[in-house]
Amino acid sequence: MLKYLLMIVFLIPLCLINSFWWLVHSMMFLFSFLFMICFYSYSDFNMVGYYFGFDYFSFSLILLSFWVCSLMITASSSIYISYYHSNFFVFMVLFLMVMLFCSFSSLNLLSFYIFFEASLIPTLLLILGWGYQPERLQAGVYLIFYTLFASLPLLLILIHVYKLIGTLYFPLFIDFGSYYFMFYVFMILAFLVSMPMFLVHLWLPKAHVEAPISGSMILAGVLLKLGGYGIFRVMKVITFLGMKFNYFWLSLGLFGGVVISFICFRQVDLKSLIAYSSVAHMSMVIAGLMTMNWWGCLGSLCLMVGHGLCSSGLFCLSNIIYERLGSRSLLINKGMINLMPSMSLWWFLLSSSNMAAPPSLNLFGEVGLLNSVISWSLFTFLALIFLSFFSAVYTLYMYSYSQHGLYYSGVYTCSLGYFREYHLLFLHWFPLNILCLSGEYFFI
């Protein structure tokens, strides 16, 4: 594991040289492919050493991090063209990649916690440094306060766990049985806020709307997945309490997903709509993880990877329009099929994946989650019906409003799209739809 970490660390000096953007970019893609090839076996933790190692849950998410970070640099060429502190920007992306890699491959709960928190710092700097509106300061404060307030109790709980069982090494965890209730709540709260769960989700749409395209991509693509991964890891300690109290988070997640779907219908900001739809999708993931069964855990992994690629691609599309028209409002971004007909195809492909149409990974994940949640309780089918139906409704609303209709007469000029942009969208859509061929990997 150390060799992959050193590969990224040794790229950092390159980003300080002025014209080496292309080299860092190419090497990031090369690392993605190297990491993809070097996977050993399904069985248990692989390549264990220096407190790092991965099993297939973390392998998928590390690979997703590599891929999304590479695509972030592709998407942010406007920073490079305008010389807007591009070296420091690439340094931030690499630093974020190191943090994500370390948090997904940590075998120790304390080191996972440290890297989990540290990954917020580069994200905050991306939002504050390269965001668009002055409100980005408020968005940054929301992001930090929500996540830090929720995760400080977790640090106290970690110290307590260490005192009781003498280790924070994941494979050596034991179930604490009927320990006290607040232990369970604090253990899980930090991850539920970063997922985010309904009622503590307000930081996410703010952060997305104010973030630059790279910030939105990494937030939607990987940082939301840290929460799901954390729940998956700590559930071993709180299994007994989970059996008693998980029904609360599960029902709140499903109910919240339906409410958020209604909120999606009345969004006029493209980025805001995509951000709220992420909250609705993550509510399914929370429900799946809280059932604590095999279908639920693997379905949530599958949906997390699928949603990471799909949501990131949709943010890229909204940014492509934003760079042309200077607005994210659906009232101005109408009729884009007249101005950018070939981009409309990509809107269609990624929107269809967002509503879990075959052959996307989202469909695989949602079928697994439907299985797990309905096997947990038959009555959840009501919420699941609404969730699935409304996800199609707001995605169609977004697609039809942005692509059809009479385009805004104030549009001065509009190019069809650069090769870089089509390439970027292809690299989101292709893995998202080709991975269904290896579906047995996610439902091993």
Protein backbone atom coordinates (compact mmCIF):
# COMPACT_ATOMS: atom_id res chain seq x y z
CA MET A 1 0.00 0.00 0.00
CA LEU A 2 2.92 2.29 0.72
CA LYS A 3 4.08 2.20 -2.90
CA TYR A 4 0.78 3.70 -4.12
CA LEU A 5 0.95 6.34 -1.41
CA LEU A 6 4.52 7.26 -2.39
CA MET A 7 3.51 7.45 -6.05
CA ILE A 8 1.05 10.23 -5.23
CA VAL A 9 3.40 11.98 -2.77
CA PHE A 10 6.21 12.09 -5.36
CA LEU A 11 3.88 13.83 -7.80
CA ILE A 12 3.62 16.82 -5.44
CA PRO A 13 7.02 18.40 -6.40
CA LEU A 14 5.94 18.23 -10.07
CA CYS A 15 2.88 20.38 -9.43
CA LEU A 16 5.15 23.21 -8.29
CA ILE A 17 6.74 23.45 -11.76
CA ASN A 18 4.75 25.79 -13.98
CA SER A 19 4.04 23.87 -17.16
CA PHE A 20 3.73 20.36 -15.71
CA TRP A 21 -0.07 20.22 -15.40
CA TRP A 22 -0.29 17.70 -18.27
CA LEU A 23 2.29 15.36 -16.68
CA VAL A 24 0.55 15.27 -13.28
CA HIS A 25 -2.74 14.69 -15.10
CA SER A 26 -1.38 11.78 -17.16
CA MET A 27 0.31 10.20 -14.17
CA MET A 28 -2.91 10.29 -12.14
CA PHE A 29 -4.66 8.27 -14.86
CA LEU A 30 -1.68 5.91 -15.02
CA PHE A 31 -1.93 5.35 -11.24
CA SER A 32 -5.63 4.58 -11.59
CA PHE A 33 -4.83 1.83 -14.09
CA LEU A 34 -1.91 0.50 -12.05
CA PHE A 35 -4.10 0.29 -8.97
CA MET A 36 -6.84 -1.42 -10.99
CA ILE A 37 -4.45 -4.13 -12.21
CA CYS A 38 -2.79 -4.80 -8.85
CA PHE A 39 -5.79 -6.22 -7.03
CA TYR A 40 -4.92 -9.57 -5.47
CA SER A 41 -7.76 -11.67 -4.09
CA TYR A 42 -11.28 -11.34 -2.77
CA SER A 43 -10.73 -13.15 0.49
CA ASP A 44 -9.84 -10.66 3.22
CA PHE A 45 -7.54 -7.70 3.82
CA ASN A 46 -4.78 -7.62 1.20
CA MET A 47 -1.37 -5.94 1.11
CA VAL A 48 -1.42 -5.33 4.86
CA GLY A 49 1.53 -3.32 6.16
CA TYR A 50 2.27 -0.02 7.91
CA TYR A 51 -1.32 0.03 9.18
CA PHE A 52 -2.57 0.12 5.58
CA GLY A 53 -4.41 -2.55 3.66
CA PHE A 54 -7.60 -3.05 1.70
CA ASP A 55 -10.43 -5.48 1.24
CA TYR A 56 -12.78 -5.24 -1.72
CA PHE A 57 -15.03 -2.67 -0.03
CA SER A 58 -12.19 -0.19 0.32
CA PHE A 59 -10.56 -1.23 -2.98
CA SER A 60 -13.58 -0.04 -4.97
CA LEU A 61 -13.68 3.27 -3.14
CA ILE A 62 -9.93 3.92 -3.49
CA LEU A 63 -10.21 3.22 -7.20
CA LEU A 64 -13.17 5.61 -7.39
CA SER A 65 -11.07 8.26 -5.59
CA PHE A 66 -8.19 7.85 -8.06
CA TRP A 67 -10.56 8.08 -11.00
CA VAL A 68 -12.54 11.09 -9.77
CA CYS A 69 -9.37 12.99 -8.78
CA SER A 70 -7.93 12.40 -12.27
CA LEU A 71 -11.17 13.64 -13.84
CA MET A 72 -11.18 16.69 -11.53
CA ILE A 73 -8.00 17.91 -13.19
CA THR A 74 -9.54 17.27 -16.64
CA ALA A 75 -12.65 19.25 -15.73
CA SER A 76 -10.77 22.22 -14.29
CA SER A 77 -8.82 23.30 -17.36
CA SER A 78 -10.33 26.80 -17.09
CA ILE A 79 -8.14 27.29 -13.98
CA TYR A 80 -5.10 26.30 -16.02
CA ILE A 81 -6.03 28.48 -19.00
CA SER A 82 -6.64 31.56 -16.83
CA TYR A 83 -3.49 30.97 -14.70
CA TYR A 84 -5.65 31.11 -11.59
CA HIS A 85 -3.11 29.62 -9.13
CA SER A 86 -3.14 26.39 -11.13
CA ASN A 87 -0.06 24.92 -9.39
CA PHE A 88 -1.59 25.33 -5.97
CA PHE A 89 -4.83 23.85 -7.30
CA VAL A 90 -3.07 20.67 -8.47
CA PHE A 91 -1.29 20.49 -5.11
CA MET A 92 -4.70 20.61 -3.38
CA VAL A 93 -6.04 17.79 -5.56
CA LEU A 94 -2.99 15.61 -4.84
CA PHE A 95 -3.16 16.37 -1.11
CA LEU A 96 -6.85 15.43 -1.13
CA MET A 97 -6.02 12.21 -2.98
CA VAL A 98 -3.42 11.29 -0.32
CA MET A 99 -5.98 11.89 2.44
CA LEU A 100 -8.67 9.82 0.71
CA PHE A 101 -6.26 7.00 -0.07
CA CYS A 102 -5.10 6.87 3.55
CA SER A 103 -8.61 7.01 5.00
CA PHE A 104 -9.93 4.19 2.80
CA SER A 105 -6.90 1.99 3.38
CA SER A 106 -6.46 2.59 7.14
CA LEU A 107 -6.74 -0.53 9.26
CA ASN A 108 -6.81 1.49 12.47
CA LEU A 109 -9.91 3.39 13.49
CA LEU A 110 -7.93 6.33 14.88
CA SER A 111 -5.91 6.84 11.69
CA PHE A 112 -9.14 6.48 9.69
CA TYR A 113 -10.70 9.21 11.85
CA ILE A 114 -7.70 11.54 11.41
CA PHE A 115 -7.60 11.17 7.61
CA PHE A 116 -11.41 11.33 7.41
CA GLU A 117 -11.28 14.75 9.11
CA ALA A 118 -8.18 15.87 7.21
CA SER A 119 -9.89 15.32 3.85
CA LEU A 120 -12.23 18.21 4.74
CA ILE A 121 -9.38 20.74 4.73
CA PRO A 122 -8.45 20.58 1.01
CA THR A 123 -12.17 20.48 0.15
CA LEU A 124 -12.73 23.62 2.19
CA LEU A 125 -9.77 25.32 0.49
CA LEU A 126 -11.13 24.33 -2.95
CA ILE A 127 -14.49 25.91 -2.10
CA LEU A 128 -12.98 29.06 -0.55
CA GLY A 129 -10.24 29.52 -3.14
CA TRP A 130 -11.86 28.64 -6.44
CA GLY A 131 -15.60 28.98 -5.69
CA TYR A 132 -17.74 31.43 -7.64
CA GLN A 133 -19.92 33.59 -5.35
CA PRO A 134 -19.10 35.46 -2.10
CA GLU A 135 -21.51 33.06 -0.31
CA ARG A 136 -18.78 30.44 -0.54
CA LEU A 137 -17.49 31.63 2.86
CA GLN A 138 -20.82 30.76 4.45
CA ALA A 139 -20.85 27.40 2.62
CA GLY A 140 -17.35 26.63 3.94
CA VAL A 141 -18.38 27.47 7.51
CA TYR A 142 -21.45 25.20 7.17
CA LEU A 143 -19.30 22.36 5.86
CA ILE A 144 -16.74 22.60 8.67
CA PHE A 145 -19.17 23.15 11.54
CA TYR A 146 -21.62 20.39 10.60
CA THR A 147 -18.93 17.77 10.11
CA LEU A 148 -16.68 18.76 13.02
CA PHE A 149 -19.47 19.10 15.59
CA ALA A 150 -20.77 15.66 14.70
CA SER A 151 -17.38 13.98 14.71
CA LEU A 152 -15.88 15.30 17.96
CA PRO A 153 -17.99 12.89 20.07
CA LEU A 154 -16.65 10.08 17.85
CA LEU A 155 -13.10 10.91 18.98
CA LEU A 156 -14.11 10.51 22.64
CA ILE A 157 -15.79 7.21 21.81
CA LEU A 158 -12.59 5.97 20.09
CA ILE A 159 -10.57 6.68 23.23
CA HIS A 160 -13.19 4.78 25.23
CA VAL A 161 -13.12 1.79 22.85
CA TYR A 162 -9.32 1.70 23.10
CA LYS A 163 -9.52 1.76 26.89
CA LEU A 164 -11.95 -1.17 26.95
CA ILE A 165 -10.59 -3.57 24.33
CA GLY A 166 -7.01 -2.31 24.01
CA THR A 167 -6.94 -1.98 20.22
CA LEU A 168 -8.46 0.06 17.40
CA TYR A 169 -7.44 -2.42 14.69
CA PHE A 170 -10.49 -3.19 12.51
CA PRO A 171 -10.23 -7.01 12.31
CA LEU A 172 -9.85 -7.31 16.10
CA PHE A 173 -13.04 -5.41 16.94
CA ILE A 174 -15.62 -7.09 19.15
CA ASP A 175 -19.30 -6.37 19.63
CA PHE A 176 -19.92 -4.27 22.74
CA GLY A 177 -23.34 -5.83 23.36
CA SER A 178 -25.85 -3.74 25.30
CA TYR A 179 -23.46 -0.93 26.15
CA TYR A 180 -25.02 2.49 26.71
CA PHE A 181 -27.19 4.14 24.08
CA MET A 182 -25.23 7.39 23.57
CA PHE A 183 -22.15 5.32 22.71
CA TYR A 184 -24.07 3.96 19.72
CA VAL A 185 -25.42 7.39 18.67
CA PHE A 186 -22.04 9.15 18.84
CA MET A 187 -20.33 6.27 17.03
CA ILE A 188 -22.63 6.59 14.05
CA LEU A 189 -23.53 10.30 14.04
CA ALA A 190 -20.30 11.59 12.46
CA PHE A 191 -20.79 9.30 9.48
CA LEU A 192 -24.51 10.07 9.12
CA VAL A 193 -23.74 13.80 8.91
CA SER A 194 -21.09 13.31 6.25
CA MET A 195 -23.35 10.99 4.21
CA PRO A 196 -25.50 13.25 4.70
CA MET A 197 -28.71 12.03 6.28
CA PHE A 198 -31.96 14.00 6.07
CA LEU A 199 -32.16 16.72 8.81
CA VAL A 200 -28.37 17.17 8.86
CA HIS A 201 -28.02 17.62 5.10
CA LEU A 202 -28.12 21.43 4.87
CA TRP A 203 -24.37 21.85 4.43
CA LEU A 204 -24.33 19.74 1.26
CA PRO A 205 -26.44 21.81 -1.20
CA LYS A 206 -24.72 25.00 0.01
CA ALA A 207 -21.25 23.51 -0.44
CA HIS A 208 -22.13 22.12 -3.89
CA VAL A 209 -23.65 25.32 -5.22
CA GLU A 210 -20.69 27.45 -4.13
CA ALA A 211 -17.92 24.94 -4.97
CA PRO A 212 -16.00 25.02 -8.25
CA ILE A 213 -16.55 22.04 -10.55
CA SER A 214 -13.64 20.13 -8.99
CA GLY A 215 -15.03 20.66 -5.49
CA SER A 216 -18.48 19.45 -6.53
CA MET A 217 -17.02 16.38 -8.22
CA ILE A 218 -14.98 15.28 -5.23
CA LEU A 219 -17.79 16.06 -2.77
CA ALA A 220 -20.38 14.05 -4.70
CA GLY A 221 -17.96 11.43 -5.98
CA VAL A 222 -15.96 10.46 -2.92
CA LEU A 223 -16.49 12.48 0.27
CA LEU A 224 -20.10 11.34 0.70
CA LYS A 225 -18.85 7.76 0.41
CA LEU A 226 -16.51 8.20 3.39
CA GLY A 227 -19.60 8.26 5.62
CA GLY A 228 -20.98 4.99 4.23
CA TYR A 229 -17.58 3.34 4.47
CA GLY A 230 -17.24 4.48 8.10
CA ILE A 231 -20.66 3.05 9.05
CA PHE A 232 -19.71 -0.24 7.39
CA ARG A 233 -16.50 -0.43 9.43
CA VAL A 234 -17.82 0.54 12.87
CA MET A 235 -21.03 -1.51 12.67
CA LYS A 236 -19.03 -4.46 14.01
CA VAL A 237 -18.66 -2.74 17.40
CA ILE A 238 -22.35 -1.80 17.73
CA THR A 239 -24.10 -4.78 16.15
CA PHE A 240 -26.21 -5.60 19.21
CA LEU A 241 -27.37 -2.00 19.69
CA GLY A 242 -27.84 -1.73 15.94
CA MET A 243 -30.29 -4.64 16.00
CA LYS A 244 -32.33 -2.68 18.56
CA PHE A 245 -32.19 0.90 17.27
CA ASN A 246 -31.31 0.84 13.57
CA TYR A 247 -34.99 0.97 12.65
CA PHE A 248 -34.97 4.68 13.58
CA TRP A 249 -32.18 5.66 11.15
CA LEU A 250 -33.58 3.38 8.48
CA SER A 251 -37.08 4.87 8.59
CA LEU A 252 -35.72 8.42 8.92
CA GLY A 253 -33.48 7.80 5.90
CA LEU A 254 -36.31 6.49 3.72
CA PHE A 255 -38.78 9.16 4.83
CA GLY A 256 -36.11 11.84 4.35
CA GLY A 257 -35.35 10.54 0.86
CA VAL A 258 -39.01 10.99 -0.14
CA VAL A 259 -39.14 14.51 1.35
CA ILE A 260 -35.89 15.48 -0.40
CA SER A 261 -37.35 14.20 -3.69
CA PHE A 262 -40.19 16.71 -3.24
CA ILE A 263 -37.61 19.43 -2.56
CA CYS A 264 -35.90 18.48 -5.84
CA PHE A 265 -39.05 19.26 -7.84
CA ARG A 266 -38.94 22.94 -6.90
CA GLN A 267 -35.27 23.66 -7.51
CA VAL A 268 -34.44 26.14 -10.24
CA ASP A 269 -30.68 25.90 -9.74
CA LEU A 270 -29.15 23.01 -11.72
CA LYS A 271 -26.36 22.31 -9.24
CA SER A 272 -28.74 22.51 -6.31
CA LEU A 273 -31.07 19.97 -7.93
CA ILE A 274 -28.23 17.50 -8.52
CA ALA A 275 -26.98 18.03 -4.93
CA TYR A 276 -30.41 17.32 -3.42
CA SER A 277 -30.76 14.23 -5.62
CA SER A 278 -27.47 12.98 -4.09
CA VAL A 279 -29.06 13.26 -0.63
CA ALA A 280 -32.04 11.19 -1.87
CA HIS A 281 -29.71 8.50 -3.26
CA MET A 282 -27.60 8.42 -0.11
CA SER A 283 -30.76 7.86 1.98
CA MET A 284 -31.10 4.51 0.19
CA VAL A 285 -27.48 3.71 1.06
CA ILE A 286 -28.09 4.55 4.75
CA ALA A 287 -31.17 2.30 4.76
CA GLY A 288 -29.20 -0.56 3.18
CA LEU A 289 -26.31 -0.29 5.64
CA MET A 290 -28.67 -0.11 8.61
CA THR A 291 -30.33 -3.43 7.71
CA MET A 292 -26.88 -4.98 8.34
CA ASN A 293 -27.44 -7.82 5.90
CA TRP A 294 -25.30 -9.01 3.00
CA TRP A 295 -27.53 -7.56 0.26
CA GLY A 296 -27.64 -4.23 2.04
CA CYS A 297 -23.88 -3.82 2.49
CA LEU A 298 -22.94 -4.87 -1.03
CA GLY A 299 -25.89 -3.03 -2.63
CA SER A 300 -24.81 0.12 -0.83
CA LEU A 301 -21.23 -0.31 -2.07
CA CYS A 302 -22.51 -0.73 -5.61
CA LEU A 303 -24.79 2.31 -5.40
CA MET A 304 -22.01 4.41 -3.83
CA VAL A 305 -19.64 3.70 -6.72
CA GLY A 306 -22.40 4.18 -9.31
CA HIS A 307 -23.63 7.39 -7.73
CA GLY A 308 -20.06 8.70 -7.43
CA LEU A 309 -19.53 8.45 -11.19
CA CYS A 310 -23.02 9.51 -12.20
CA SER A 311 -23.38 12.51 -9.91
CA SER A 312 -19.89 13.70 -10.74
CA GLY A 313 -20.75 13.49 -14.46
CA LEU A 314 -23.94 15.50 -13.97
CA PHE A 315 -22.00 18.23 -12.15
CA CYS A 316 -19.59 18.33 -15.11
CA LEU A 317 -22.53 18.81 -17.48
CA SER A 318 -23.98 21.63 -15.41
CA ASN A 319 -20.54 23.26 -15.32
CA ILE A 320 -20.17 23.01 -19.11
CA ILE A 321 -23.41 25.00 -19.47
CA TYR A 322 -22.34 27.39 -16.70
CA GLU A 323 -19.09 28.18 -18.53
CA ARG A 324 -21.10 29.01 -21.69
CA LEU A 325 -23.98 31.05 -20.23
CA GLY A 326 -22.65 32.23 -16.88
CA SER A 327 -25.77 31.01 -15.07
CA ARG A 328 -26.96 27.80 -13.42
CA SER A 329 -30.64 28.77 -13.44
CA LEU A 330 -33.02 26.43 -15.27
CA LEU A 331 -34.96 29.52 -16.38
CA ILE A 332 -31.98 30.63 -18.48
CA ASN A 333 -30.49 27.22 -19.36
CA LYS A 334 -33.48 26.15 -21.46
CA GLY A 335 -33.49 24.72 -24.96
CA MET A 336 -29.86 23.66 -24.92
CA ILE A 337 -30.62 20.98 -27.49
CA ASN A 338 -30.83 23.80 -30.07
CA LEU A 339 -27.42 25.19 -29.15
CA MET A 340 -25.48 22.06 -28.12
CA PRO A 341 -27.26 19.08 -29.73
CA SER A 342 -24.40 16.59 -29.26
CA MET A 343 -24.07 17.54 -25.56
CA SER A 344 -27.76 16.68 -25.23
CA LEU A 345 -26.92 13.02 -25.81
CA TRP A 346 -24.62 13.07 -22.75
CA TRP A 347 -27.33 14.78 -20.70
CA PHE A 348 -29.64 11.94 -21.69
CA LEU A 349 -27.13 9.17 -20.93
CA LEU A 350 -26.14 10.48 -17.50
CA SER A 351 -29.72 11.42 -16.55
CA SER A 352 -30.90 7.93 -17.41
CA SER A 353 -28.14 6.48 -15.20
CA ASN A 354 -29.19 8.84 -12.41
CA MET A 355 -32.70 7.40 -12.45
CA ALA A 356 -31.18 3.88 -12.30
CA ALA A 357 -31.96 2.77 -15.84
CA PRO A 358 -30.18 -0.36 -17.07
CA PRO A 359 -27.33 -1.07 -17.69
CA SER A 360 -25.94 1.34 -15.08
CA LEU A 361 -24.38 0.41 -11.75
CA ASN A 362 -27.09 2.47 -10.02
CA LEU A 363 -29.66 -0.13 -11.11
CA PHE A 364 -27.55 -2.96 -9.67
CA GLY A 365 -27.16 -1.10 -6.40
CA GLU A 366 -30.81 -0.14 -6.12
CA VAL A 367 -32.02 -3.69 -6.82
CA GLY A 368 -29.71 -4.98 -4.06
CA LEU A 369 -30.94 -2.29 -1.68
CA LEU A 370 -34.61 -2.96 -2.52
CA ASN A 371 -33.96 -6.61 -1.72
CA SER A 372 -32.29 -5.86 1.57
CA VAL A 373 -34.71 -3.20 2.84
CA ILE A 374 -37.85 -5.14 1.91
CA SER A 375 -36.46 -8.32 3.48
CA TRP A 376 -35.95 -6.27 6.65
CA SER A 377 -39.56 -5.10 6.71
CA LEU A 378 -42.32 -5.43 4.15
CA PHE A 379 -43.83 -2.03 5.00
CA THR A 380 -40.81 -0.15 3.66
CA PHE A 381 -42.06 -0.86 0.14
CA LEU A 382 -44.24 2.27 0.29
CA ALA A 383 -41.27 4.60 0.80
CA LEU A 384 -39.20 2.67 -1.76
CA ILE A 385 -41.93 2.98 -4.42
CA PHE A 386 -42.00 6.74 -3.96
CA LEU A 387 -38.21 7.02 -3.88
CA SER A 388 -37.76 5.13 -7.15
CA PHE A 389 -40.63 6.89 -8.90
CA PHE A 390 -39.66 10.39 -7.80
CA SER A 391 -36.02 9.90 -8.72
CA ALA A 392 -37.22 9.35 -12.29
CA VAL A 393 -39.55 12.37 -12.05
CA TYR A 394 -37.00 14.96 -10.93
CA THR A 395 -34.35 13.64 -13.31
CA LEU A 396 -36.79 13.92 -16.22
CA TYR A 397 -37.76 17.39 -15.00
CA MET A 398 -34.10 18.43 -15.02
CA TYR A 399 -33.45 16.90 -18.43
CA SER A 400 -36.54 18.22 -20.20
CA TYR A 401 -36.30 21.72 -18.72
CA SER A 402 -32.62 22.14 -19.55
CA GLN A 403 -32.70 20.59 -23.03
CA HIS A 404 -36.11 21.46 -24.49
CA GLY A 405 -38.08 24.64 -24.95
CA LEU A 406 -37.17 28.03 -26.38
CA TYR A 407 -33.60 29.01 -25.58
CA TYR A 408 -32.78 32.28 -23.83
CA SER A 409 -32.59 35.10 -26.39
CA GLY A 410 -29.71 36.79 -24.56
CA VAL A 411 -27.29 33.96 -25.45
CA TYR A 412 -24.61 35.68 -27.46
CA THR A 413 -22.61 32.70 -28.64
CA CYS A 414 -22.35 29.03 -27.75
CA SER A 415 -19.83 26.43 -28.88
CA LEU A 416 -20.84 22.81 -29.35
CA GLY A 417 -18.36 21.56 -26.75
CA TYR A 418 -14.66 20.76 -26.79
CA PHE A 419 -13.10 17.35 -27.25
CA ARG A 420 -11.91 17.57 -23.61
CA GLU A 421 -15.49 17.85 -22.40
CA TYR A 422 -16.78 14.88 -24.40
CA HIS A 423 -13.79 12.86 -23.25
CA LEU A 424 -14.50 13.83 -19.63
CA LEU A 425 -18.16 12.78 -19.90
CA PHE A 426 -17.23 9.53 -21.64
CA LEU A 427 -14.84 8.67 -18.79
CA HIS A 428 -17.72 9.13 -16.34
CA TRP A 429 -20.33 7.25 -18.31
CA PHE A 430 -18.30 4.33 -19.67
CA PRO A 431 -17.13 2.81 -16.35
CA LEU A 432 -20.57 3.47 -14.86
CA ASN A 433 -22.24 1.33 -17.52
CA ILE A 434 -19.52 -1.20 -18.32
CA LEU A 435 -19.10 -2.27 -14.67
CA CYS A 436 -22.50 -3.96 -14.77
CA LEU A 437 -20.75 -6.70 -16.77
CA SER A 438 -18.77 -7.57 -13.65
CA GLY A 439 -21.77 -7.36 -11.33
CA GLU A 440 -20.65 -10.50 -9.50
CA TYR A 441 -17.76 -8.42 -8.12
CA PHE A 442 -20.18 -6.24 -6.17
CA PHE A 443 -22.41 -9.14 -5.08
CA ILE A 444 -19.68 -11.65 -4.39
